[in-house]
Amino acid sequence: MPDHYWLGIFYYKEDSMFNIRNGSWETNSSSVHVLVIPKETTITIPKKVILYGGDFGWGEGTASPLDYVYQVCVDEGREQLDRFFEYLKRKGVEEIHSPELHWVEEEWCGEKHVYAENNPGYVDHSYEVPLDDMFFNEDLLDRFLFGEGSFVKTGNDNGDNCPKAEDYDPNIYDTIEKGN
């Protein structure tokens, strides 16, 4: 077997795979985010929340669960954001402050798309965050958004500091890993 070969649009050589896009070489590395949720926590639901969103991509850091989920919902469209705001109100949040968004509806490739033209940030590959599962499991969502000790660990798989769900004790934490 040769030490390198083409596999579709991928070039494989000695355990390294590269994707060629627009004539340039790219590795298949990307952002990794881990949502860390204590199994035992005190839940405090505030009467007022201020949401900023943010840029949650490759950068290493720690993010607020409320801002992270808000940004995922903005990225995924008006229906998801409405669903998030309805959830917050149902939980007892009386005031929700967030950037005013200008929604645009366009058609691309025969499909309707609605997006916030003035989106305050982004979550890299936000479609990989399991929103439906989170909204279905309100205990998990309550603990994530309002539980003491919940956070989002952000980073990428380019180095040794890649966040991993396995870094957190499964007896103490529930985790959701968003990779791509």
Protein backbone atom coordinates (compact mmCIF):
# COMPACT_ATOMS: atom_id res chain seq x y z
CA MET A 1 0.00 0.00 0.00
CA PRO A 2 1.39 3.46 -0.84
CA ASP A 3 2.30 5.82 1.99
CA HIS A 4 -0.14 8.43 0.61
CA TYR A 5 -3.30 8.47 -1.51
CA TRP A 6 -6.36 10.51 -2.42
CA LEU A 7 -9.60 9.72 -0.65
CA GLY A 8 -12.30 11.83 -2.35
CA ILE A 9 -11.27 15.42 -1.71
CA PHE A 10 -9.05 14.32 1.16
CA TYR A 11 -5.34 13.58 0.91
CA TYR A 12 -4.12 10.93 3.34
CA LYS A 13 -0.48 10.47 4.31
CA GLU A 14 0.99 8.72 7.34
CA ASP A 15 -1.98 9.13 9.69
CA SER A 16 -2.58 12.76 8.63
CA MET A 17 -5.61 13.77 6.64
CA PHE A 18 -5.88 17.11 4.88
CA ASN A 19 -8.79 18.67 3.10
CA ILE A 20 -8.13 20.76 0.02
CA ARG A 21 -10.44 23.75 -0.25
CA ASN A 22 -10.03 26.45 -2.84
CA GLY A 23 -6.53 25.20 -3.65
CA SER A 24 -5.20 25.49 -0.09
CA TRP A 25 -4.36 22.77 2.41
CA GLU A 26 -6.35 22.64 5.64
CA THR A 27 -6.20 20.23 8.53
CA ASN A 28 -9.42 18.91 9.99
CA SER A 29 -9.06 20.67 13.34
CA SER A 30 -11.73 22.80 14.87
CA SER A 31 -13.36 24.16 17.99
CA VAL A 32 -14.33 21.96 20.90
CA HIS A 33 -16.69 23.10 23.65
CA VAL A 34 -17.64 21.19 26.79
CA LEU A 35 -20.73 22.15 28.76
CA VAL A 36 -20.02 21.23 32.39
CA ILE A 37 -23.03 20.75 34.67
CA PRO A 38 -22.78 19.72 38.33
CA LYS A 39 -25.15 16.87 39.22
CA GLU A 40 -25.67 18.30 42.70
CA THR A 41 -26.03 22.08 42.71
CA THR A 42 -28.02 24.95 44.10
CA ILE A 43 -30.30 26.44 41.45
CA THR A 44 -30.98 30.16 41.70
CA ILE A 45 -33.28 31.65 39.09
CA PRO A 46 -32.80 35.42 38.84
CA LYS A 47 -35.66 37.83 38.29
CA LYS A 48 -33.58 39.68 35.68
CA VAL A 49 -31.02 38.42 33.13
CA ILE A 50 -28.75 40.43 30.89
CA LEU A 51 -27.60 38.52 27.81
CA TYR A 52 -24.67 39.62 25.70
CA GLY A 53 -23.88 36.62 23.55
CA GLY A 54 -20.28 36.44 22.42
CA ASP A 55 -17.74 34.79 20.18
CA PHE A 56 -17.35 31.14 21.10
CA GLY A 57 -15.00 29.60 18.59
CA TRP A 58 -11.48 28.22 18.83
CA GLY A 59 -10.30 30.41 21.68
CA GLU A 60 -9.48 28.77 24.98
CA GLY A 61 -11.56 30.03 27.86
CA THR A 62 -14.59 29.70 30.09
CA ALA A 63 -18.00 31.01 29.11
CA SER A 64 -21.24 31.86 30.90
CA PRO A 65 -23.93 29.21 30.26
CA LEU A 66 -26.64 31.87 29.77
CA ASP A 67 -24.62 33.81 27.19
CA TYR A 68 -23.56 30.60 25.43
CA VAL A 69 -27.10 29.21 25.07
CA TYR A 70 -28.39 32.65 24.09
CA GLN A 71 -25.77 32.86 21.32
CA VAL A 72 -26.52 29.32 20.10
CA CYS A 73 -30.21 30.24 19.89
CA VAL A 74 -29.48 33.47 17.98
CA ASP A 75 -27.26 31.52 15.57
CA GLU A 76 -29.95 28.89 15.07
CA GLY A 77 -32.72 31.39 14.34
CA ARG A 78 -35.63 33.33 15.69
CA GLU A 79 -37.71 30.27 16.61
CA GLN A 80 -34.94 28.93 18.86
CA LEU A 81 -34.46 32.33 20.47
CA ASP A 82 -38.21 32.64 21.11
CA ARG A 83 -38.14 29.14 22.63
CA PHE A 84 -35.28 30.20 24.93
CA PHE A 85 -37.04 33.38 26.06
CA GLU A 86 -40.27 31.43 26.70
CA TYR A 87 -38.31 28.94 28.81
CA LEU A 88 -36.72 31.76 30.85
CA LYS A 89 -40.12 33.38 31.48
CA ARG A 90 -41.69 30.05 32.44
CA LYS A 91 -38.90 29.57 34.99
CA GLY A 92 -39.67 32.92 36.61
CA VAL A 93 -37.31 35.37 34.91
CA GLU A 94 -39.27 38.62 34.77
CA GLU A 95 -36.84 40.85 32.84
CA ILE A 96 -34.74 39.73 29.88
CA HIS A 97 -32.29 42.25 28.45
CA SER A 98 -30.45 41.42 25.24
CA PRO A 99 -29.24 43.18 22.11
CA GLU A 100 -32.08 44.20 19.80
CA LEU A 101 -31.82 41.98 16.75
CA HIS A 102 -32.79 42.77 13.17
CA TRP A 103 -34.10 39.58 11.58
CA VAL A 104 -33.73 39.08 7.84
CA GLU A 105 -35.49 36.48 5.72
CA GLU A 106 -33.79 35.35 2.52
CA GLU A 107 -33.95 32.44 0.16
CA TRP A 108 -30.76 30.52 -0.68
CA CYS A 109 -30.58 27.43 -2.83
CA GLY A 110 -34.36 27.15 -2.83
CA GLU A 111 -34.68 27.24 0.98
CA LYS A 112 -35.92 30.00 3.30
CA HIS A 113 -33.39 31.22 5.87
CA VAL A 114 -34.04 33.62 8.74
CA TYR A 115 -31.04 35.10 10.54
CA ALA A 116 -30.08 38.03 12.73
CA GLU A 117 -28.31 40.53 10.50
CA ASN A 118 -26.69 42.18 13.53
CA ASN A 119 -25.82 38.95 15.35
CA PRO A 120 -23.74 39.91 18.43
CA GLY A 121 -21.37 36.96 18.06
CA TYR A 122 -21.26 33.31 17.06
CA VAL A 123 -20.83 29.75 18.30
CA ASP A 124 -18.61 27.81 15.92
CA HIS A 125 -20.82 25.10 14.39
CA SER A 126 -23.71 26.00 16.71
CA TYR A 127 -25.91 23.42 14.99
CA GLU A 128 -23.93 20.72 16.83
CA VAL A 129 -25.15 21.90 20.26
CA PRO A 130 -28.09 19.58 21.09
CA LEU A 131 -30.69 22.26 21.86
CA ASP A 132 -33.67 19.94 21.44
CA ASP A 133 -32.22 17.47 23.95
CA MET A 134 -31.44 20.28 26.38
CA PHE A 135 -34.92 21.82 26.18
CA PHE A 136 -36.46 18.35 26.54
CA ASN A 137 -34.46 17.68 29.74
CA GLU A 138 -35.36 20.74 31.81
CA ASP A 139 -33.61 19.42 34.92
CA LEU A 140 -30.35 19.40 32.98
CA LEU A 141 -31.06 22.80 31.42
CA ASP A 142 -32.02 24.30 34.80
CA ARG A 143 -28.79 23.04 36.37
CA PHE A 144 -26.74 24.26 33.41
CA LEU A 145 -28.21 27.76 33.17
CA PHE A 146 -28.95 28.48 36.83
CA GLY A 147 -26.86 26.01 38.80
CA GLU A 148 -23.88 27.07 40.87
CA GLY A 149 -20.66 25.78 39.30
CA SER A 150 -21.90 25.31 35.70
CA PHE A 151 -19.74 26.64 32.87
CA VAL A 152 -18.68 26.14 29.25
CA LYS A 153 -15.06 25.29 28.54
CA THR A 154 -14.02 26.44 25.06
CA GLY A 155 -10.95 25.57 23.01
CA ASN A 156 -9.81 23.61 19.99
CA ASP A 157 -8.28 20.29 19.08
CA ASN A 158 -5.01 21.73 17.76
CA GLY A 159 -2.97 21.18 20.89
CA ASP A 160 -2.72 19.51 24.26
CA ASN A 161 -5.26 21.80 25.96
CA CYS A 162 -8.30 20.52 24.07
CA PRO A 163 -11.33 20.50 26.40
CA LYS A 164 -12.74 17.01 26.83
CA ALA A 165 -15.83 15.71 28.61
CA GLU A 166 -13.69 12.91 30.03
CA ASP A 167 -11.70 15.52 32.01
CA TYR A 168 -14.68 15.84 34.39
CA ASP A 169 -15.69 13.15 36.90
CA PRO A 170 -18.98 11.61 35.63
CA ASN A 171 -20.03 10.97 39.24
CA ILE A 172 -19.96 14.73 39.88
CA TYR A 173 -20.72 16.30 36.49
CA ASP A 174 -22.96 15.83 33.51
CA THR A 175 -21.16 16.99 30.38
CA ILE A 176 -22.11 17.74 26.80
CA GLU A 177 -19.24 17.90 24.33
CA LYS A 178 -19.63 19.88 21.12
CA GLY A 179 -16.91 19.06 18.69
CA ASN A 180 -16.71 19.08 14.93
